[in-house]
Protein backbone atom coordinates (compact mmCIF):
# COMPACT_ATOMS: atom_id res chain seq x y z
CA UNK A 1 -59.64 68.89 10.78
CA UNK A 2 -57.29 65.80 11.97
CA UNK A 3 -59.07 63.55 9.70
CA UNK A 4 -59.20 66.05 6.87
CA UNK A 5 -55.48 65.95 7.10
CA UNK A 6 -55.59 61.83 6.73
CA UNK A 7 -57.41 62.33 3.78
CA UNK A 8 -55.59 64.64 1.67
CA UNK A 9 -52.17 62.73 3.03
CA UNK A 10 -53.83 59.12 1.77
CA UNK A 11 -55.27 60.75 -1.83
CA UNK A 12 -51.56 61.97 -1.71
CA UNK A 13 -49.87 59.02 -1.34
CA UNK A 14 -52.13 57.08 -3.72
CA UNK A 15 -51.27 59.71 -6.52
CA UNK A 16 -47.60 58.79 -5.97
CA UNK A 17 -47.60 55.46 -6.14
CA UNK A 18 -49.27 55.41 -9.19
CA UNK A 19 -48.83 58.60 -11.35
CA UNK A 20 -46.66 58.79 -14.43
CA UNK A 21 -46.43 54.82 -14.07
CA UNK A 22 -47.89 52.75 -16.98
CA UNK A 23 -49.41 49.41 -16.25
CA UNK A 24 -48.63 46.66 -18.79
CA UNK A 25 -50.20 43.28 -18.26
CA UNK A 26 -49.10 40.00 -20.46
CA UNK A 27 -51.49 37.62 -19.91
CA UNK A 28 -52.66 34.29 -21.09
CA UNK A 29 -50.72 30.76 -20.12
CA UNK A 30 -47.95 29.50 -18.21
CA UNK A 31 -45.05 28.49 -21.31
CA UNK A 32 -46.36 30.64 -23.52
CA UNK A 33 -43.20 32.99 -23.93
CA UNK A 34 -44.26 35.83 -21.71
CA UNK A 35 -41.40 36.59 -19.89
CA UNK A 36 -39.27 36.00 -22.74
CA UNK A 37 -40.61 38.45 -24.89
CA UNK A 38 -40.36 41.04 -22.39
CA UNK A 39 -36.76 40.06 -21.58
CA UNK A 40 -35.94 40.40 -25.23
CA UNK A 41 -37.29 43.90 -25.63
CA UNK A 42 -34.44 44.33 -23.10
CA UNK A 43 -37.08 44.54 -19.84
CA UNK A 44 -35.45 43.68 -16.76
CA UNK A 45 -36.69 41.58 -13.85
CA UNK A 46 -37.30 44.68 -10.89
CA UNK A 47 -35.74 42.54 -8.27
CA UNK A 48 -32.49 42.81 -10.56
CA UNK A 49 -32.59 46.71 -10.68
CA UNK A 50 -35.61 48.37 -8.75
CA UNK A 51 -34.54 51.63 -9.85
CA UNK A 52 -34.61 50.53 -14.09
CA UNK A 53 -37.47 52.60 -15.99
CA UNK A 54 -39.04 49.32 -17.17
CA UNK A 55 -39.37 46.11 -14.97
CA UNK A 56 -41.24 43.10 -15.14
CA UNK A 57 -43.32 41.64 -12.15
CA UNK A 58 -44.41 38.28 -12.68
CA UNK A 59 -46.07 35.94 -9.65
CA UNK A 60 -43.60 33.55 -10.10
CA UNK A 61 -41.28 36.23 -8.33
CA UNK A 62 -42.95 35.60 -5.06
CA UNK A 63 -42.17 31.80 -5.04
CA UNK A 64 -38.74 32.42 -2.79
CA UNK A 65 -36.12 34.22 -1.38
CA UNK A 66 -34.79 36.41 -4.42
CA UNK A 67 -37.57 39.32 -3.51
CA UNK A 68 -36.65 39.69 0.18
CA UNK A 69 -33.42 41.78 0.06
CA UNK A 70 -35.08 44.43 -2.87
CA UNK A 71 -38.40 44.09 -1.00
CA UNK A 72 -36.50 45.33 1.91
CA UNK A 73 -34.62 48.34 -0.26
CA UNK A 74 -37.65 49.36 -1.68
CA UNK A 75 -39.19 49.49 2.30
CA UNK A 76 -35.88 51.87 2.78
CA UNK A 77 -36.64 54.27 -0.02
CA UNK A 78 -40.48 54.48 1.00
CA UNK A 79 -39.95 55.54 4.73
CA UNK A 80 -40.40 52.11 6.11
CA UNK A 81 -36.77 51.09 7.58
CA UNK A 82 -38.60 48.84 10.95
CA UNK A 83 -40.68 47.17 8.14
CA UNK A 84 -37.08 46.28 5.78
CA UNK A 85 -36.33 43.74 8.88
CA UNK A 86 -39.00 41.76 7.86
CA UNK A 87 -37.20 38.63 6.24
CA UNK A 88 -40.34 36.76 5.58
CA UNK A 89 -42.95 36.06 2.31
CA UNK A 90 -44.05 39.80 1.90
CA UNK A 91 -44.73 42.86 3.51
CA UNK A 92 -48.22 42.48 2.35
CA UNK A 93 -48.76 39.55 4.97
CA UNK A 94 -46.66 40.76 7.40
CA UNK A 95 -49.40 41.10 10.00
CA UNK A 96 -50.33 37.53 10.31
CA UNK A 97 -46.68 37.10 11.89
CA UNK A 98 -47.61 37.78 14.96
CA UNK A 99 -43.89 37.84 16.82
CA UNK A 100 -42.82 40.20 14.02
CA UNK A 101 -45.87 42.11 13.74
CA UNK A 102 -46.15 43.08 17.55
CA UNK A 103 -42.35 43.76 17.34
CA UNK A 104 -42.18 46.40 14.41
CA UNK A 105 -45.67 48.14 16.39
CA UNK A 106 -43.39 48.64 19.23
CA UNK A 107 -40.53 50.05 17.63
CA UNK A 108 -41.81 51.91 14.19
CA UNK A 109 -42.13 55.20 14.93
CA UNK A 110 -45.57 56.90 14.49
CA UNK A 111 -44.71 58.07 10.79
CA UNK A 112 -43.92 54.80 9.79
CA UNK A 113 -46.65 53.26 11.10
CA UNK A 114 -48.68 55.59 9.37
CA UNK A 115 -47.10 55.06 5.86
CA UNK A 116 -47.61 51.59 6.58
CA UNK A 117 -51.41 51.96 7.10
CA UNK A 118 -51.82 54.35 4.16
CA UNK A 119 -50.38 51.98 2.05
CA UNK A 120 -52.54 49.44 3.53
CA UNK A 121 -55.34 51.01 2.53
CA UNK A 122 -54.10 52.46 -1.03
CA UNK A 123 -52.97 48.94 -2.63
CA UNK A 124 -55.18 46.32 -0.19
CA UNK A 125 -55.09 42.36 -0.05
CA UNK A 126 -58.62 40.56 -0.02
CA UNK A 127 -59.38 37.40 -1.79
CA UNK A 128 -61.57 39.39 -3.87
CA UNK A 129 -59.03 41.22 -5.68
CA UNK A 130 -56.44 37.95 -6.20
CA UNK A 131 -59.65 35.48 -7.59
CA UNK A 132 -59.11 35.15 -11.18
CA UNK A 133 -61.42 36.06 -13.20
CA UNK A 134 -60.45 33.18 -15.75
CA UNK A 135 -60.58 30.51 -13.18
CA UNK A 136 -62.00 31.44 -9.56
CA UNK A 137 -58.48 30.15 -8.11
CA UNK A 138 -57.34 32.66 -5.72
CA UNK A 139 -53.51 33.69 -5.94
CA UNK A 140 -52.08 35.99 -3.32
CA UNK A 141 -48.88 36.40 -5.31
CA UNK A 142 -51.38 39.01 -7.19
CA UNK A 143 -50.90 41.55 -4.07
CA UNK A 144 -47.28 41.18 -4.08
CA UNK A 145 -46.62 41.96 -7.43
CA UNK A 146 -49.58 44.86 -6.52
CA UNK A 147 -47.60 46.36 -3.72
CA UNK A 148 -44.08 46.11 -5.36
CA UNK A 149 -45.60 48.07 -8.31
CA UNK A 150 -46.61 50.39 -5.62
CA UNK A 151 -43.04 50.88 -4.32
CA UNK A 152 -41.48 51.16 -7.43
CA UNK A 153 -40.00 54.49 -9.19
CA UNK A 154 -40.01 52.74 -12.15
CA UNK A 155 -42.08 54.51 -15.35
CA UNK A 156 -43.29 51.20 -16.86
CA UNK A 157 -44.64 48.28 -15.00
CA UNK A 158 -45.15 45.33 -16.99
CA UNK A 159 -47.02 42.17 -15.33
CA UNK A 160 -46.61 38.88 -16.44
CA UNK A 161 -49.42 36.38 -15.11
CA UNK A 162 -51.58 33.50 -16.30
CA UNK A 163 -54.73 35.76 -14.71
CA UNK A 164 -55.96 39.13 -15.28
CA UNK A 165 -56.39 40.07 -11.34
CA UNK A 166 -54.05 42.58 -10.95
CA UNK A 167 -56.87 44.61 -12.84
CA UNK A 168 -58.37 44.30 -10.13
CA UNK A 169 -55.31 46.57 -8.24
CA UNK A 170 -54.57 48.76 -11.35
CA UNK A 171 -57.85 48.74 -13.56
CA UNK A 172 -56.27 51.05 -16.26
CA UNK A 173 -53.83 47.91 -16.75
CA UNK A 174 -52.74 47.93 -20.66
CA UNK A 175 -53.89 44.17 -21.09
CA UNK A 176 -51.87 42.24 -24.04
CA UNK A 177 -52.93 38.18 -24.55
CA UNK A 178 -49.81 35.98 -25.52
CA UNK A 179 -51.21 33.67 -27.66
CA UNK A 180 -48.97 30.50 -28.74
CA UNK A 181 -50.25 28.13 -31.28
CA UNK A 182 -51.06 25.06 -30.07
CA UNK A 183 -48.50 23.11 -31.69
CA UNK A 184 -46.17 25.52 -31.01
CA UNK A 185 -47.10 25.78 -27.33
CA UNK A 186 -47.44 21.78 -27.77
CA UNK A 187 -43.62 21.86 -28.34
CA UNK A 188 -42.44 24.30 -26.15
CA UNK A 189 -43.97 22.10 -23.00
CA UNK A 190 -42.22 18.99 -24.90
CA UNK A 191 -38.76 21.30 -24.84
CA UNK A 192 -39.00 22.07 -21.33
CA UNK A 193 -39.54 18.53 -19.78
CA UNK A 194 -36.59 17.35 -21.68
CA UNK A 195 -34.36 20.11 -20.07
CA UNK A 196 -31.80 18.86 -17.41
CA UNK A 197 -33.17 21.78 -15.42
CA UNK A 198 -35.56 19.90 -13.39
CA UNK A 199 -37.21 23.37 -12.37
CA UNK A 200 -38.17 23.74 -15.96
CA UNK A 201 -40.37 20.45 -16.08
CA UNK A 202 -44.52 20.95 -15.74
CA UNK A 203 -46.57 18.25 -15.07
CA UNK A 204 -48.99 17.91 -18.23
CA UNK A 205 -51.24 16.10 -16.50
CA UNK A 206 -52.01 18.28 -13.68
CA UNK A 207 -55.08 20.15 -14.29
CA UNK A 208 -53.87 23.68 -12.74
CA UNK A 209 -51.04 23.78 -15.36
CA UNK A 210 -49.98 23.95 -19.37
CA UNK A 211 -53.04 22.35 -21.68
CA UNK A 212 -55.55 23.46 -18.80
CA UNK A 213 -54.26 26.65 -18.92
CA UNK A 214 -54.69 27.24 -22.22
CA UNK A 215 -58.10 25.66 -22.68
CA UNK A 216 -58.73 29.29 -19.95
CA UNK A 217 -58.04 31.37 -22.92
CA UNK A 218 -58.59 29.71 -25.85
CA UNK A 219 -61.62 27.35 -27.61
CA UNK A 220 -62.29 25.43 -30.88
CA UNK A 221 -63.89 27.91 -33.84
CA UNK A 222 -65.10 26.94 -37.29
CA UNK A 223 -63.26 29.72 -39.16
CA UNK A 224 -59.86 31.19 -38.75
CA UNK A 225 -59.37 33.59 -36.18
CA UNK A 226 -56.38 34.57 -34.37
CA UNK A 227 -54.11 33.02 -36.59
CA UNK A 228 -55.18 30.36 -40.13
CA UNK A 229 -53.86 26.94 -38.82
CA UNK A 230 -56.14 24.50 -38.72
CA UNK A 231 -56.12 21.07 -36.30
CA UNK A 232 -57.20 17.81 -36.53
CA UNK A 233 -58.48 16.35 -33.40
CA UNK A 234 -56.48 13.34 -34.84
CA UNK A 235 -53.08 15.31 -35.02
CA UNK A 236 -53.87 16.94 -31.62
CA UNK A 237 -54.69 13.46 -30.08
CA UNK A 238 -51.20 12.17 -31.15
CA UNK A 239 -49.03 15.74 -30.20
CA UNK A 240 -51.03 15.75 -26.58
CA UNK A 241 -50.07 11.91 -26.26
CA UNK A 242 -46.74 12.07 -27.67
CA UNK A 243 -46.23 14.94 -24.57
CA UNK A 244 -47.10 13.17 -22.28
CA UNK A 245 -50.91 13.87 -21.81
CA UNK A 246 -52.52 10.36 -19.98
CA UNK A 247 -56.15 11.74 -22.03
CA UNK A 248 -55.87 14.35 -24.85
CA UNK A 249 -59.77 13.89 -25.60
CA UNK A 250 -60.00 15.47 -21.71
CA UNK A 251 -58.24 18.59 -23.74
CA UNK A 252 -60.48 18.28 -26.98
CA UNK A 253 -63.42 18.63 -24.80
CA UNK A 254 -62.62 21.62 -23.18
CA UNK A 255 -61.47 22.93 -26.19
CA UNK A 256 -64.88 22.43 -27.54
CA UNK A 257 -63.83 20.32 -30.37
CA UNK A 258 -67.08 18.16 -31.30
CA UNK A 259 -68.86 17.25 -33.96
CA UNK A 260 -67.98 18.69 -37.58
CA UNK A 261 -64.62 20.52 -35.44
CA UNK A 262 -63.19 17.16 -35.29
CA UNK A 263 -62.36 17.20 -38.65
CA UNK A 264 -60.82 20.70 -39.01
CA UNK A 265 -60.62 23.31 -36.03
CA UNK A 266 -59.24 26.87 -35.70
CA UNK A 267 -58.30 29.05 -33.03
CA UNK A 268 -60.40 31.92 -30.77
CA UNK A 269 -60.54 33.18 -27.70
CA UNK A 270 -63.08 32.41 -25.01
CA UNK A 271 -66.02 34.41 -24.37
CA UNK A 272 -65.01 37.12 -21.64
CA UNK A 273 -61.23 37.32 -22.67
CA UNK A 274 -61.06 40.52 -24.35
CA UNK A 275 -57.89 41.63 -24.40
CA UNK A 276 -56.24 45.40 -25.44
CA UNK A 277 -54.13 43.14 -28.02
CA UNK A 278 -53.13 40.29 -28.63
CA UNK A 279 -49.35 38.79 -30.45
CA UNK A 280 -48.81 35.86 -31.30
CA UNK A 281 -45.51 34.88 -29.69
CA UNK A 282 -44.01 32.18 -32.79
CA UNK A 283 -45.95 32.92 -36.02
CA UNK A 284 -46.01 35.93 -38.72
CA UNK A 285 -49.67 37.40 -38.36
CA UNK A 286 -52.03 35.48 -40.19
CA UNK A 287 -54.85 36.50 -38.42
CA UNK A 288 -56.16 38.68 -34.97
CA UNK A 289 -52.90 37.77 -33.49
CA UNK A 290 -50.75 40.28 -34.57
CA UNK A 291 -46.41 39.66 -34.80
CA UNK A 292 -44.24 39.69 -31.34
CA UNK A 293 -42.22 42.28 -33.55
CA UNK A 294 -45.10 45.05 -32.89
CA UNK A 295 -44.95 44.23 -29.13
CA UNK A 296 -43.36 47.76 -27.05
CA UNK A 297 -43.82 48.87 -24.01
């Protein structure tokens, strides 16, 4: 009977954490306009207003102190008062902070301990869940997104990530790929790197950023697909070089620009990239990627 009650409590908690919530993922490479588009639609960052009906949660939210106080607030609202005192990276990894975890175990009520264990079992944390299907890279911040989404009472939760791994936590998430035409993408990267705000700068030669991320999602094709823009290896090489890339041919190779495609190619999604919808973040729709005006939550 005891275990049956615990199971019933566990199932109830899972339902409370996801029932009635709509999960949406804005996927695609960084600097493609995911956050900008969400903000244009009036969506606020979750840490700005934890009571908003629609919130945006991005992996970048978990790289500094801005999320600590909002997380503390969510812990209090979810019956975790002692856990709310945790002032480090995130409650989902607090067991690695041995001193705090020991103090928490000594001071937390039995009800709080049970609530924490139930959340941990419901949401979980594992390398497999945070591993990107696109690159194979592990990013623990995805678990931060999952825990935060579980604790929030918001009806619409929009994730912003360069991976689709959040779907390992919430499989029913609607995946909307944000496609930025390559010429616009290069312009956006250049604009950011010319900004006086150094936090916006992107190292275009770092294999985990910018153009390399772009190649995780898109590749060259001989027919119009996402849009009807045609590129040549010559003009792309110049664009990339002007943007500061030291080896433009490497990016062309990653895009699969070989043979006849060097004289003219379009862009399509890579095999395995199968979002529910594709949005063109810059141009009017001339292909499979639809106008940004059609984006709705």
